């Protein structure tokens, strides 16, 4: 691939990431001690050793 094609590909991928972030759909890793519950909300980790 040429440099120009790679540039356009990266720009489109970056645009997709920014679009997801603006909609609130971009998953981000949680800090230690927090987990996603079955409903998708952030909650404390039930494992006491991790907290």
PDB file of N, CA and C in Angstrom:
ATOM      1  N   UNK A   1       0.839  -1.185   0.000  1.00  0.00           N
ATOM      2  CA  UNK A   1       0.000   0.000   0.000  1.00  0.00           C
ATOM      3  C   UNK A   1       0.881   1.244   0.000  1.00  0.00           C
ATOM      4  N   UNK A   2       0.384   2.243  -0.618  1.00  0.00           N
ATOM      5  CA  UNK A   2       1.144   3.488  -0.645  1.00  0.00           C
ATOM      6  C   UNK A   2       0.947   4.254   0.664  1.00  0.00           C
ATOM      7  N   UNK A   3       1.785   5.212   0.880  1.00  0.00           N
ATOM      8  CA  UNK A   3       1.689   6.043   2.083  1.00  0.00           C
ATOM      9  C   UNK A   3       0.357   6.783   2.129  1.00  0.00           C
ATOM     10  N   UNK A   4      -0.119   7.228   0.993  1.00  0.00           N
ATOM     11  CA  UNK A   4      -1.388   7.962   0.942  1.00  0.00           C
ATOM     12  C   UNK A   4      -2.546   7.065   1.351  1.00  0.00           C
ATOM     13  N   UNK A   5      -2.558   5.819   0.856  1.00  0.00           N
ATOM     14  CA  UNK A   5      -3.624   4.888   1.220  1.00  0.00           C
ATOM     15  C   UNK A   5      -3.615   4.598   2.719  1.00  0.00           C
ATOM     16  N   UNK A   6      -2.426   4.413   3.273  1.00  0.00           N
ATOM     17  CA  UNK A   6      -2.331   4.174   4.712  1.00  0.00           C
ATOM     18  C   UNK A   6      -2.820   5.373   5.507  1.00  0.00           C
ATOM     19  N   UNK A   7      -2.501   6.559   5.017  1.00  0.00           N
ATOM     20  CA  UNK A   7      -2.955   7.780   5.690  1.00  0.00           C
ATOM     21  C   UNK A   7      -4.478   7.846   5.697  1.00  0.00           C
ATOM     22  N   UNK A   8      -5.107   7.553   4.557  1.00  0.00           N
ATOM     23  CA  UNK A   8      -6.574   7.605   4.479  1.00  0.00           C
ATOM     24  C   UNK A   8      -7.209   6.527   5.352  1.00  0.00           C
ATOM     25  N   UNK A   9      -6.602   5.336   5.378  1.00  0.00           N
ATOM     26  CA  UNK A   9      -7.133   4.272   6.225  1.00  0.00           C
ATOM     27  C   UNK A   9      -7.083   4.668   7.705  1.00  0.00           C
ATOM     28  N   UNK A  10      -5.939   5.198   8.137  1.00  0.00           N
ATOM     29  CA  UNK A  10      -5.817   5.615   9.537  1.00  0.00           C
ATOM     30  C   UNK A  10      -6.809   6.721   9.870  1.00  0.00           C
ATOM     31  N   UNK A  11      -6.999   7.655   8.930  1.00  0.00           N
ATOM     32  CA  UNK A  11      -7.929   8.757   9.162  1.00  0.00           C
ATOM     33  C   UNK A  11      -9.358   8.234   9.306  1.00  0.00           C
ATOM     34  N   UNK A  12      -9.738   7.266   8.489  1.00  0.00           N
ATOM     35  CA  UNK A  12     -11.090   6.704   8.580  1.00  0.00           C
ATOM     36  C   UNK A  12     -11.279   5.930   9.876  1.00  0.00           C
ATOM     37  N   UNK A  13     -10.259   5.160  10.272  1.00  0.00           N
ATOM     38  CA  UNK A  13     -10.345   4.419  11.534  1.00  0.00           C
ATOM     39  C   UNK A  13     -10.454   5.371  12.718  1.00  0.00           C
ATOM     40  N   UNK A  14      -9.647   6.429  12.686  1.00  0.00           N
ATOM     41  CA  UNK A  14      -9.692   7.433  13.763  1.00  0.00           C
ATOM     42  C   UNK A  14     -11.061   8.105  13.801  1.00  0.00           C
ATOM     43  N   UNK A  15     -11.620   8.406  12.628  1.00  0.00           N
ATOM     44  CA  UNK A  15     -12.947   9.011  12.563  1.00  0.00           C
ATOM     45  C   UNK A  15     -14.009   8.106  13.162  1.00  0.00           C
ATOM     46  N   UNK A  16     -13.899   6.798  12.921  1.00  0.00           N
ATOM     47  CA  UNK A  16     -14.845   5.847  13.491  1.00  0.00           C
ATOM     48  C   UNK A  16     -14.749   5.804  15.002  1.00  0.00           C
ATOM     49  N   UNK A  17     -13.537   5.838  15.515  1.00  0.00           N
ATOM     50  CA  UNK A  17     -13.338   5.829  16.969  1.00  0.00           C
ATOM     51  C   UNK A  17     -13.912   7.092  17.592  1.00  0.00           C
ATOM     52  N   UNK A  18     -13.654   8.236  16.976  1.00  0.00           N
ATOM     53  CA  UNK A  18     -14.185   9.492  17.505  1.00  0.00           C
ATOM     54  C   UNK A  18     -15.710   9.524  17.439  1.00  0.00           C
ATOM     55  N   UNK A  19     -16.273   8.941  16.399  1.00  0.00           N
ATOM     56  CA  UNK A  19     -17.730   8.888  16.269  1.00  0.00           C
ATOM     57  C   UNK A  19     -18.345   8.031  17.377  1.00  0.00           C
ATOM     58  N   UNK A  20     -17.730   6.870  17.633  1.00  0.00           N
ATOM     59  CA  UNK A  20     -18.220   6.027  18.728  1.00  0.00           C
ATOM     60  C   UNK A  20     -18.121   6.746  20.068  1.00  0.00           C
ATOM     61  N   UNK A  21     -17.012   7.439  20.285  1.00  0.00           N
ATOM     62  CA  UNK A  21     -16.819   8.155  21.545  1.00  0.00           C
ATOM     63  C   UNK A  21     -17.864   9.239  21.719  1.00  0.00           C
ATOM     64  N   UNK A  22     -18.198   9.949  20.645  1.00  0.00           N
ATOM     65  CA  UNK A  22     -19.187  11.025  20.755  1.00  0.00           C
ATOM     66  C   UNK A  22     -20.584  10.475  21.043  1.00  0.00           C
ATOM     67  N   UNK A  23     -20.846   9.231  20.606  1.00  0.00           N
ATOM     68  CA  UNK A  23     -22.143   8.602  20.884  1.00  0.00           C
ATOM     69  C   UNK A  23     -22.160   7.903  22.234  1.00  0.00           C
ATOM     70  N   UNK A  24     -21.001   7.790  22.884  1.00  0.00           N
ATOM     71  CA  UNK A  24     -20.931   7.113  24.179  1.00  0.00           C
ATOM     72  C   UNK A  24     -20.858   5.608  24.058  1.00  0.00           C
ATOM     73  N   UNK A  25     -20.449   5.080  22.907  1.00  0.00           N
ATOM     74  CA  UNK A  25     -20.396   3.643  22.691  1.00  0.00           C
ATOM     75  C   UNK A  25     -18.978   3.087  22.706  1.00  0.00           C
ATOM     76  N   UNK A  26     -18.004   3.909  23.002  1.00  0.00           N
ATOM     77  CA  UNK A  26     -16.619   3.454  22.984  1.00  0.00           C
ATOM     78  C   UNK A  26     -16.282   2.779  24.312  1.00  0.00           C
ATOM     79  N   UNK A  27     -15.982   1.465  24.283  1.00  0.00           N
ATOM     80  CA  UNK A  27     -15.646   0.791  25.535  1.00  0.00           C
ATOM     81  C   UNK A  27     -14.254   1.195  26.019  1.00  0.00           C
ATOM     82  N   UNK A  28     -14.148   1.450  27.286  1.00  0.00           N
ATOM     83  CA  UNK A  28     -12.858   1.790  27.879  1.00  0.00           C
ATOM     84  C   UNK A  28     -12.603   0.830  29.031  1.00  0.00           C
ATOM     85  N   UNK A  29     -11.362   0.444  29.246  1.00  0.00           N
ATOM     86  CA  UNK A  29     -11.079  -0.456  30.372  1.00  0.00           C
ATOM     87  C   UNK A  29     -11.316   0.244  31.700  1.00  0.00           C
ATOM     88  N   UNK A  30     -11.870  -0.512  32.637  1.00  0.00           N
ATOM     89  CA  UNK A  30     -12.154   0.038  33.961  1.00  0.00           C
ATOM     90  C   UNK A  30     -10.938  -0.111  34.869  1.00  0.00           C
ATOM     91  N   UNK A  31     -10.809   0.756  35.857  1.00  0.00           N
ATOM     92  CA  UNK A  31      -9.718   0.600  36.829  1.00  0.00           C
ATOM     93  C   UNK A  31      -9.919  -0.662  37.668  1.00  0.00           C
ATOM     94  N   UNK A  32      -8.860  -1.096  38.309  1.00  0.00           N
ATOM     95  CA  UNK A  32      -8.914  -2.282  39.173  1.00  0.00           C
ATOM     96  C   UNK A  32      -9.921  -2.030  40.288  1.00  0.00           C
ATOM     97  N   UNK A  33     -10.768  -3.021  40.538  1.00  0.00           N
ATOM     98  CA  UNK A  33     -11.763  -2.913  41.598  1.00  0.00           C
ATOM     99  C   UNK A  33     -13.150  -2.585  41.079  1.00  0.00           C
ATOM    100  N   UNK A  34     -13.264  -2.272  39.797  1.00  0.00           N
ATOM    101  CA  UNK A  34     -14.560  -1.996  39.192  1.00  0.00           C
ATOM    102  C   UNK A  34     -14.819  -2.992  38.074  1.00  0.00           C
ATOM    103  N   UNK A  35     -16.080  -3.375  37.904  1.00  0.00           N
ATOM    104  CA  UNK A  35     -16.480  -4.307  36.853  1.00  0.00           C
ATOM    105  C   UNK A  35     -17.795  -3.822  36.240  1.00  0.00           C
ATOM    106  N   UNK A  36     -18.118  -4.378  35.095  1.00  0.00           N
ATOM    107  CA  UNK A  36     -19.425  -4.131  34.492  1.00  0.00           C
ATOM    108  C   UNK A  36     -20.381  -5.197  35.005  1.00  0.00           C
ATOM    109  N   UNK A  37     -21.536  -4.784  35.528  1.00  0.00           N
ATOM    110  CA  UNK A  37     -22.520  -5.758  35.970  1.00  0.00           C
ATOM    111  C   UNK A  37     -23.312  -6.252  34.753  1.00  0.00           C
ATOM    112  N   UNK A  38     -24.192  -7.252  34.926  1.00  0.00           N
ATOM    113  CA  UNK A  38     -24.944  -7.789  33.779  1.00  0.00           C
ATOM    114  C   UNK A  38     -25.788  -6.735  33.054  1.00  0.00           C
ATOM    115  N   UNK A  39     -26.199  -5.698  33.745  1.00  0.00           N
ATOM    116  CA  UNK A  39     -26.994  -4.644  33.105  1.00  0.00           C
ATOM    117  C   UNK A  39     -26.120  -3.672  32.320  1.00  0.00           C
ATOM    118  N   UNK A  40     -24.786  -3.819  32.442  1.00  0.00           N
ATOM    119  CA  UNK A  40     -23.877  -2.948  31.709  1.00  0.00           C
ATOM    120  C   UNK A  40     -23.416  -1.731  32.487  1.00  0.00           C
ATOM    121  N   UNK A  41     -23.841  -1.632  33.737  1.00  0.00           N
ATOM    122  CA  UNK A  41     -23.426  -0.498  34.565  1.00  0.00           C
ATOM    123  C   UNK A  41     -22.138  -0.827  35.303  1.00  0.00           C
ATOM    124  N   UNK A  42     -21.449   0.197  35.757  1.00  0.00           N
ATOM    125  CA  UNK A  42     -20.203   0.021  36.507  1.00  0.00           C
ATOM    126  C   UNK A  42     -20.536  -0.225  37.973  1.00  0.00           C
ATOM    127  N   UNK A  43     -19.905  -1.252  38.539  1.00  0.00           N
ATOM    128  CA  UNK A  43     -20.140  -1.596  39.944  1.00  0.00           C
ATOM    129  C   UNK A  43     -18.811  -2.014  40.564  1.00  0.00           C
ATOM    130  N   UNK A  44     -18.789  -2.057  41.885  1.00  0.00           N
ATOM    131  CA  UNK A  44     -17.607  -2.551  42.592  1.00  0.00           C
ATOM    132  C   UNK A  44     -17.444  -4.034  42.325  1.00  0.00           C
ATOM    133  N   UNK A  45     -16.208  -4.486  42.251  1.00  0.00           N
ATOM    134  CA  UNK A  45     -15.917  -5.895  42.034  1.00  0.00           C
ATOM    135  C   UNK A  45     -16.376  -6.686  43.256  1.00  0.00           C
ATOM    136  N   UNK A  46     -17.125  -7.783  43.055  1.00  0.00           N
ATOM    137  CA  UNK A  46     -17.597  -8.553  44.211  1.00  0.00           C
ATOM    138  C   UNK A  46     -16.478  -9.284  44.948  1.00  0.00           C
ATOM    139  N   UNK A  47     -15.316  -9.446  44.332  1.00  0.00           N
ATOM    140  CA  UNK A  47     -14.196 -10.118  44.971  1.00  0.00           C
ATOM    141  C   UNK A  47     -13.513  -9.154  45.937  1.00  0.00           C
ATOM    142  N   UNK A  48     -13.565  -9.462  47.216  1.00  0.00           N
ATOM    143  CA  UNK A  48     -12.986  -8.600  48.253  1.00  0.00           C
ATOM    144  C   UNK A  48     -11.483  -8.411  48.069  1.00  0.00           C
ATOM    145  N   UNK A  49     -10.793  -9.449  47.618  1.00  0.00           N
ATOM    146  CA  UNK A  49      -9.344  -9.370  47.442  1.00  0.00           C
ATOM    147  C   UNK A  49      -8.959  -8.366  46.369  1.00  0.00           C
ATOM    148  N   UNK A  50      -9.799  -8.210  45.380  1.00  0.00           N
ATOM    149  CA  UNK A  50      -9.522  -7.268  44.293  1.00  0.00           C
ATOM    150  C   UNK A  50      -9.779  -5.851  44.749  1.00  0.00           C
ATOM    151  N   UNK A  51     -10.817  -5.657  45.565  1.00  0.00           N
ATOM    152  CA  UNK A  51     -11.134  -4.312  46.046  1.00  0.00           C
ATOM    153  C   UNK A  51     -10.062  -3.841  46.972  1.00  0.00           C
TER     154      UNK A  51
END
